[in-house]
Amino acid sequence: MKHFLCFLLLFLSINSCMNKDELKALSKQNNSFHDSIYEPQQKRSEFAIVIHGGAGTILKENMTSEKEATYRSKLEEAIRVGYNILKDGGSSLDAVQKTINILEDSPLFNAGKGAVFTNAETNELDASIMDGKTLNAGASASTKTVKNPIDLARAIMENSPHVMLSGEGAEAFAIEQGIEMVDYGYFFTENRYQSLQRSKEKEGDEKNNKMAIDRPEIKDSKFGTVGCVALDKDGNLAAGTSTGGMTNKRWGRIGDSPIIGAGTYANNNTCAVSSTGWGEFFIRALVAHDISALMEYKGLSIQEAAKEVIQKKVPDLGGDGGIIAVDKYGNMVMEFNTAGMYRASIDDQGELYIGIYKD
């Protein structure tokens, strides 16, 4: 007993001599979970917004100066809509939705009006949106008459008990919600139709048509998806993605864009992400959520996490594409492993960046 009391007194004496820094270090050493939480040194922006219009084989030598100017103009028009909402104190959800509306209404991008054609010469559209504050989300898949699928995705998130609706059921819900509907002809654009015909011609005769996903005409037919991520003045993150999918797709194929965690993810604890690329691989890699998870559990910065997923994990699986992301501190990322990605960003200082090719 005497020896025990001596030991106790010695232990208390040592601990009383430890300063606060030493105790903090000891606590940190024994709390690995706390170590992994993403905590950058300082906040960069009060609010921020980033958009993409698809990643792929986008080469300057294949782009006329007029066409490039048209793309840049539309990207700026779209992102300024969201920027003005954020600047005036609006929500990140509103900024994401209204920004994507502009891109959906343009025939330049594979979403809404510019949606690509399926093998059956129809247009089937997908979209999703997520609220980083509540982790609530909404998605629609394979709709044919909804003018702006991102509007339907938000209505599903806010006004239904479900996360994803598809096909005729999704369209019936859209009508109930008063969302604008159009006839099939609205989505027809000549260049998308000709792209389908070229893809069909390259397939060869029917006996060799196995719809191999690694054939060049398939690999180059999936890009053009649009997306937006935003941080508002209240510190809330949101992400949204909209697409027409893959040219010449069959059997009701659905890619990553409406899949929460693959094409879209937002969490106020980490970041908001929107993906564009080879959907099959982005689904397998759960790209959008993986970036958030690397930040939350491994303590990576948003730049480090995006690079790890897009430059290593996705290519290792055989896929390609890109993402846009913004973290809870307003740090923005536009990461891609293709020749180009239509993209733009604005921070709270009003600094605009627009890119198309690799820098």
Protein backbone atom coordinates (compact mmCIF):
# COMPACT_ATOMS: atom_id res chain seq x y z
CA MET A 1 0.00 0.00 0.00
CA LYS A 2 2.83 2.33 0.88
CA HIS A 3 4.47 1.70 -2.50
CA PHE A 4 1.20 2.38 -4.30
CA LEU A 5 0.73 5.76 -2.55
CA CYS A 6 4.27 6.78 -3.48
CA PHE A 7 3.66 5.88 -7.11
CA LEU A 8 0.40 7.84 -7.16
CA LEU A 9 2.04 10.94 -5.72
CA LEU A 10 4.85 10.71 -8.27
CA PHE A 11 2.36 10.37 -11.15
CA LEU A 12 0.34 13.40 -10.03
CA SER A 13 3.51 15.42 -9.62
CA ILE A 14 4.65 14.66 -13.19
CA ASN A 15 1.26 15.51 -14.66
CA SER A 16 1.04 18.78 -12.75
CA CYS A 17 4.32 19.83 -14.37
CA MET A 18 3.06 19.25 -17.90
CA ASN A 19 2.08 22.46 -19.68
CA LYS A 20 -1.02 22.85 -21.82
CA ASP A 21 0.88 22.28 -25.06
CA GLU A 22 2.22 18.98 -23.81
CA LEU A 23 -1.21 17.83 -22.69
CA LYS A 24 -2.67 18.84 -26.04
CA ALA A 25 0.04 16.92 -27.87
CA LEU A 26 -0.58 13.86 -25.71
CA SER A 27 -4.30 14.05 -26.33
CA LYS A 28 -3.75 14.43 -30.05
CA GLN A 29 -1.41 11.46 -30.11
CA ASN A 30 -4.10 9.30 -28.56
CA ASN A 31 -6.97 10.57 -30.72
CA SER A 32 -6.33 9.53 -34.30
CA PHE A 33 -9.92 10.31 -35.38
CA HIS A 34 -9.52 13.96 -34.43
CA ASP A 35 -6.25 13.98 -36.36
CA SER A 36 -8.03 12.96 -39.57
CA ILE A 37 -10.65 15.72 -39.63
CA TYR A 38 -10.12 18.17 -42.49
CA GLU A 39 -9.04 21.51 -41.02
CA PRO A 40 -7.11 23.82 -43.39
CA GLN A 41 -5.34 26.82 -41.92
CA GLN A 42 -7.65 29.53 -43.19
CA LYS A 43 -10.80 30.23 -45.13
CA ARG A 44 -10.15 31.51 -48.63
CA SER A 45 -13.58 32.79 -49.67
CA GLU A 46 -16.82 33.84 -48.02
CA PHE A 47 -18.62 32.23 -50.94
CA ALA A 48 -17.62 30.55 -54.19
CA ILE A 49 -19.03 28.81 -57.26
CA VAL A 50 -17.58 26.43 -59.86
CA ILE A 51 -19.16 24.93 -62.99
CA HIS A 52 -18.28 22.40 -65.66
CA GLY A 53 -19.67 21.63 -69.09
CA GLY A 54 -18.07 18.23 -69.58
CA ALA A 55 -14.61 16.73 -69.91
CA GLY A 56 -13.17 14.83 -72.84
CA THR A 57 -11.09 15.03 -76.01
CA ILE A 58 -11.31 18.80 -76.25
CA LEU A 59 -8.34 19.99 -78.32
CA LYS A 60 -7.57 23.55 -79.36
CA GLU A 61 -6.66 22.45 -82.89
CA ASN A 62 -10.20 21.11 -83.32
CA MET A 63 -11.87 24.30 -82.08
CA THR A 64 -12.49 27.39 -84.20
CA SER A 65 -12.01 30.75 -82.51
CA GLU A 66 -15.72 31.49 -83.01
CA LYS A 67 -16.80 28.23 -81.39
CA GLU A 68 -14.41 28.72 -78.49
CA ALA A 69 -15.77 32.22 -77.92
CA THR A 70 -19.32 30.83 -77.91
CA TYR A 71 -18.47 28.28 -75.24
CA ARG A 72 -16.65 30.84 -73.10
CA SER A 73 -19.55 33.25 -73.36
CA LYS A 74 -22.11 30.65 -72.28
CA LEU A 75 -19.93 29.46 -69.38
CA GLU A 76 -19.60 33.05 -68.16
CA GLU A 77 -23.32 33.71 -68.56
CA ALA A 78 -24.16 30.63 -66.52
CA ILE A 79 -21.72 31.13 -63.68
CA ARG A 80 -22.60 34.80 -63.26
CA VAL A 81 -26.21 33.83 -62.62
CA GLY A 82 -25.10 31.72 -59.66
CA TYR A 83 -22.50 34.23 -58.55
CA ASN A 84 -25.08 37.02 -58.33
CA ILE A 85 -27.36 34.81 -56.25
CA LEU A 86 -24.53 34.07 -53.82
CA LYS A 87 -23.32 37.67 -53.71
CA ASP A 88 -26.80 38.82 -52.75
CA GLY A 89 -26.96 36.30 -49.91
CA GLY A 90 -28.92 33.61 -51.73
CA SER A 91 -28.60 29.91 -51.05
CA SER A 92 -26.09 27.56 -52.63
CA LEU A 93 -28.99 25.34 -53.74
CA ASP A 94 -30.59 28.20 -55.67
CA ALA A 95 -27.24 29.13 -57.20
CA VAL A 96 -26.59 25.56 -58.33
CA GLN A 97 -30.06 25.06 -59.77
CA LYS A 98 -30.30 28.36 -61.64
CA THR A 99 -26.77 28.07 -63.01
CA ILE A 100 -27.44 24.58 -64.35
CA ASN A 101 -30.68 25.83 -65.92
CA ILE A 102 -28.63 28.10 -68.20
CA LEU A 103 -26.43 25.19 -69.29
CA GLU A 104 -29.43 22.89 -69.77
CA ASP A 105 -31.10 25.46 -72.03
CA SER A 106 -28.04 25.67 -74.29
CA PRO A 107 -27.52 23.23 -77.19
CA LEU A 108 -23.75 23.47 -76.58
CA PHE A 109 -23.77 20.95 -73.75
CA ASN A 110 -24.97 17.37 -73.32
CA ALA A 111 -27.78 18.25 -70.92
CA GLY A 112 -31.33 19.50 -71.46
CA LYS A 113 -31.64 21.02 -74.91
CA GLY A 114 -28.29 19.62 -76.11
CA ALA A 115 -28.86 16.05 -74.88
CA VAL A 116 -27.37 13.26 -76.98
CA PHE A 117 -29.44 10.52 -78.64
CA THR A 118 -29.93 6.93 -77.55
CA ASN A 119 -29.67 4.01 -79.95
CA ALA A 120 -33.46 4.22 -80.31
CA GLU A 121 -33.07 7.87 -81.43
CA THR A 122 -34.67 9.25 -78.28
CA ASN A 123 -33.28 11.51 -75.57
CA GLU A 124 -33.11 10.24 -72.00
CA LEU A 125 -31.99 12.72 -69.37
CA ASP A 126 -30.60 12.33 -65.84
CA ALA A 127 -29.92 14.83 -63.05
CA SER A 128 -29.24 15.10 -59.32
CA ILE A 129 -28.82 17.71 -56.62
CA MET A 130 -27.65 17.55 -53.00
CA ASP A 131 -27.85 19.83 -49.97
CA GLY A 132 -24.66 19.78 -47.90
CA LYS A 133 -26.40 21.10 -44.79
CA THR A 134 -28.96 18.31 -44.43
CA LEU A 135 -27.47 15.62 -46.73
CA ASN A 136 -30.85 15.55 -48.42
CA ALA A 137 -30.72 14.74 -52.13
CA GLY A 138 -32.91 14.30 -55.18
CA ALA A 139 -32.34 12.66 -58.55
CA SER A 140 -34.20 11.79 -61.73
CA ALA A 141 -33.25 9.33 -64.44
CA SER A 142 -34.35 8.52 -67.98
CA THR A 143 -36.86 11.33 -68.41
CA LYS A 144 -37.86 12.31 -71.95
CA THR A 145 -40.17 15.31 -71.59
CA VAL A 146 -38.86 17.29 -68.59
CA LYS A 147 -37.35 20.52 -69.94
CA ASN A 148 -34.96 21.08 -67.02
CA PRO A 149 -34.13 17.85 -65.18
CA ILE A 150 -32.29 19.69 -62.41
CA ASP A 151 -35.61 21.33 -61.45
CA LEU A 152 -37.17 17.88 -61.14
CA ALA A 153 -34.25 16.63 -59.06
CA ARG A 154 -34.73 19.47 -56.58
CA ALA A 155 -38.49 18.89 -56.43
CA ILE A 156 -37.86 15.22 -55.66
CA MET A 157 -35.45 16.23 -52.91
CA GLU A 158 -37.81 18.72 -51.30
CA ASN A 159 -41.30 17.40 -52.04
CA SER A 160 -41.09 13.62 -52.09
CA PRO A 161 -40.07 10.93 -49.58
CA HIS A 162 -37.68 9.47 -52.17
CA VAL A 163 -34.22 10.25 -53.46
CA MET A 164 -34.50 9.01 -57.06
CA LEU A 165 -37.37 8.67 -59.52
CA SER A 166 -37.08 7.39 -63.07
CA GLY A 167 -38.88 7.25 -66.41
CA GLU A 168 -42.64 7.66 -66.59
CA GLY A 169 -42.99 7.82 -62.82
CA ALA A 170 -40.55 10.71 -62.61
CA GLU A 171 -42.41 12.52 -65.38
CA ALA A 172 -45.76 11.99 -63.63
CA PHE A 173 -44.28 13.51 -60.47
CA ALA A 174 -42.90 16.41 -62.51
CA ILE A 175 -46.37 17.17 -63.86
CA GLU A 176 -47.82 17.07 -60.33
CA GLN A 177 -45.15 19.55 -59.25
CA GLY A 178 -45.89 21.95 -62.09
CA ILE A 179 -42.46 21.54 -63.65
CA GLU A 180 -42.22 22.64 -67.29
CA MET A 181 -42.68 19.79 -69.76
CA VAL A 182 -41.87 19.73 -73.48
CA ASP A 183 -42.51 17.38 -76.38
CA TYR A 184 -39.84 15.01 -77.66
CA GLY A 185 -38.89 17.32 -80.53
CA TYR A 186 -37.62 20.01 -78.17
CA PHE A 187 -34.40 18.07 -77.59
CA PHE A 188 -33.60 17.47 -81.25
CA THR A 189 -30.39 19.10 -82.44
CA GLU A 190 -28.86 18.22 -85.79
CA ASN A 191 -25.29 17.84 -84.58
CA ARG A 192 -26.30 15.40 -81.80
CA TYR A 193 -28.36 13.41 -84.28
CA GLN A 194 -25.47 13.18 -86.70
CA SER A 195 -23.20 12.08 -83.85
CA LEU A 196 -25.57 9.18 -83.26
CA GLN A 197 -25.51 8.21 -86.93
CA ARG A 198 -21.71 8.25 -86.97
CA SER A 199 -21.61 6.11 -83.85
CA LYS A 200 -23.97 3.59 -85.42
CA GLU A 201 -21.92 3.44 -88.60
CA LYS A 202 -18.78 2.64 -86.63
CA GLU A 203 -20.40 -0.26 -84.87
CA GLY A 204 -19.98 -2.52 -87.88
CA ASP A 205 -22.27 -5.40 -88.71
CA GLU A 206 -24.69 -6.79 -86.15
CA LYS A 207 -22.77 -9.95 -85.36
CA ASN A 208 -19.79 -7.92 -84.08
CA ASN A 209 -21.95 -5.43 -82.22
CA LYS A 210 -21.28 -6.38 -78.61
CA MET A 211 -21.52 -2.76 -77.41
CA ALA A 212 -17.97 -3.12 -76.05
CA ILE A 213 -17.49 -0.22 -73.68
CA ASP A 214 -13.85 0.20 -74.62
CA ARG A 215 -14.45 0.77 -78.33
CA PRO A 216 -13.26 4.24 -79.45
CA GLU A 217 -16.68 5.38 -80.68
CA ILE A 218 -18.16 4.55 -77.30
CA LYS A 219 -15.32 6.10 -75.34
CA ASP A 220 -15.70 9.43 -77.13
CA SER A 221 -19.51 9.55 -76.92
CA LYS A 222 -20.18 10.16 -73.26
CA PHE A 223 -18.90 13.63 -72.46
CA GLY A 224 -20.75 16.95 -72.14
CA THR A 225 -22.40 16.58 -68.75
CA VAL A 226 -22.92 19.87 -66.88
CA GLY A 227 -22.56 20.54 -63.19
CA CYS A 228 -22.24 23.19 -60.52
CA VAL A 229 -20.97 23.35 -56.93
CA ALA A 230 -21.36 26.31 -54.60
CA LEU A 231 -20.66 27.62 -51.11
CA ASP A 232 -22.98 30.36 -49.83
CA LYS A 233 -22.51 33.04 -47.18
CA ASP A 234 -24.20 30.88 -44.57
CA GLY A 235 -21.53 28.23 -45.03
CA ASN A 236 -23.82 25.80 -46.82
CA LEU A 237 -22.56 23.69 -49.70
CA ALA A 238 -24.58 22.30 -52.62
CA ALA A 239 -23.85 20.31 -55.76
CA GLY A 240 -25.82 19.46 -58.88
CA THR A 241 -25.26 17.55 -62.12
CA SER A 242 -27.32 17.14 -65.30
CA THR A 243 -26.72 15.08 -68.45
CA GLY A 244 -28.10 13.47 -71.57
CA GLY A 245 -25.86 10.48 -70.92
CA MET A 246 -23.94 8.55 -73.57
CA THR A 247 -24.51 8.76 -77.32
CA ASN A 248 -26.00 5.51 -78.68
CA LYS A 249 -26.73 4.15 -75.20
CA ARG A 250 -29.11 1.19 -74.94
CA TRP A 251 -31.24 -0.80 -72.54
CA GLY A 252 -32.07 2.16 -70.33
CA ARG A 253 -28.43 2.79 -69.48
CA ILE A 254 -27.94 5.25 -66.61
CA GLY A 255 -24.56 6.77 -65.79
CA ASP A 256 -23.13 8.40 -62.70
CA SER A 257 -24.81 11.81 -62.95
CA PRO A 258 -27.99 10.93 -61.00
CA ILE A 259 -26.15 8.64 -58.57
CA ILE A 260 -25.58 10.35 -55.24
CA GLY A 261 -21.98 9.71 -54.20
CA ALA A 262 -20.81 9.03 -57.75
CA GLY A 263 -21.86 12.00 -59.89
CA THR A 264 -22.95 14.38 -57.13
CA TYR A 265 -22.16 14.82 -53.45
CA ALA A 266 -22.27 17.65 -50.90
CA ASN A 267 -21.48 17.70 -47.19
CA ASN A 268 -20.99 20.83 -45.12
CA ASN A 269 -18.26 19.07 -43.15
CA THR A 270 -16.06 18.71 -46.23
CA CYS A 271 -16.97 19.71 -49.77
CA ALA A 272 -19.37 19.68 -52.72
CA VAL A 273 -18.49 17.71 -55.88
CA SER A 274 -19.93 17.31 -59.39
CA SER A 275 -18.48 14.74 -61.79
CA THR A 276 -18.22 14.39 -65.55
CA GLY A 277 -16.73 11.53 -67.49
CA TRP A 278 -17.00 7.82 -68.04
CA GLY A 279 -19.97 7.09 -65.82
CA GLU A 280 -19.47 3.36 -65.42
CA PHE A 281 -16.12 3.95 -63.73
CA PHE A 282 -17.29 6.93 -61.70
CA ILE A 283 -20.04 4.73 -60.27
CA ARG A 284 -17.61 1.95 -59.40
CA ALA A 285 -15.23 4.39 -57.73
CA LEU A 286 -17.97 6.42 -56.01
CA VAL A 287 -15.91 9.40 -57.10
CA ALA A 288 -17.79 12.30 -55.53
CA HIS A 289 -18.16 10.71 -52.12
CA ASP A 290 -14.64 9.30 -52.16
CA ILE A 291 -13.20 12.81 -52.43
CA SER A 292 -15.24 13.88 -49.41
CA ALA A 293 -14.27 10.74 -47.49
CA LEU A 294 -10.56 11.26 -48.13
CA MET A 295 -10.91 14.73 -46.66
CA GLU A 296 -12.99 13.68 -43.66
CA TYR A 297 -11.22 10.49 -42.65
CA LYS A 298 -7.70 10.95 -43.97
CA GLY A 299 -7.36 14.69 -43.51
CA LEU A 300 -6.43 15.43 -47.13
CA SER A 301 -6.98 18.88 -48.60
CA ILE A 302 -9.57 19.18 -51.35
CA GLN A 303 -6.76 19.49 -53.90
CA GLU A 304 -5.03 16.36 -52.63
CA ALA A 305 -8.24 14.34 -52.48
CA ALA A 306 -9.35 15.33 -55.98
CA LYS A 307 -5.94 14.52 -57.43
CA GLU A 308 -5.83 11.12 -55.70
CA VAL A 309 -9.22 10.10 -57.12
CA ILE A 310 -9.06 11.60 -60.61
CA GLN A 311 -5.39 11.11 -61.43
CA LYS A 312 -4.95 7.72 -59.78
CA LYS A 313 -8.03 5.79 -58.70
CA VAL A 314 -10.21 6.35 -61.78
CA PRO A 315 -7.41 5.78 -64.34
CA ASP A 316 -6.32 2.65 -62.46
CA LEU A 317 -9.81 1.27 -63.07
CA GLY A 318 -9.63 2.23 -66.76
CA GLY A 319 -11.84 5.34 -66.70
CA ASP A 320 -11.37 9.02 -67.41
CA GLY A 321 -13.10 12.33 -66.83
CA GLY A 322 -13.02 15.08 -64.24
CA ILE A 323 -14.67 16.83 -61.31
CA ILE A 324 -15.30 20.27 -59.94
CA ALA A 325 -15.37 20.81 -56.19
CA VAL A 326 -15.44 23.48 -53.50
CA ASP A 327 -14.70 22.88 -49.83
CA LYS A 328 -16.28 24.45 -46.75
CA TYR A 329 -13.57 27.12 -46.75
CA GLY A 330 -14.19 28.20 -50.34
CA ASN A 331 -11.17 26.47 -51.87
CA MET A 332 -12.03 25.47 -55.44
CA VAL A 333 -10.78 22.58 -57.58
CA MET A 334 -11.22 21.67 -61.25
CA GLU A 335 -9.42 18.34 -61.70
CA PHE A 336 -9.49 16.23 -64.90
CA ASN A 337 -7.39 13.58 -66.64
CA THR A 338 -8.65 14.21 -70.18
CA ALA A 339 -7.44 16.61 -72.86
CA GLY A 340 -9.84 19.28 -71.69
CA MET A 341 -12.84 20.23 -69.58
CA TYR A 342 -15.22 23.15 -70.04
CA ARG A 343 -15.05 24.93 -66.69
CA ALA A 344 -15.36 28.23 -64.85
CA SER A 345 -15.11 29.59 -61.31
CA ILE A 346 -15.70 32.80 -59.35
CA ASP A 347 -14.76 33.57 -55.75
CA ASP A 348 -16.11 36.22 -53.37
CA GLN A 349 -13.73 38.79 -54.83
CA GLY A 350 -15.45 38.41 -58.20
CA GLU A 351 -12.35 36.86 -59.79
CA LEU A 352 -13.54 34.94 -62.85
CA TYR A 353 -11.66 32.04 -64.40
CA ILE A 354 -12.75 30.23 -67.57
CA GLY A 355 -10.88 27.23 -68.97
CA ILE A 356 -11.34 24.71 -71.75
CA TYR A 357 -8.00 22.99 -72.38
CA LYS A 358 -5.30 21.76 -70.07
CA ASP A 359 -3.43 24.75 -68.63
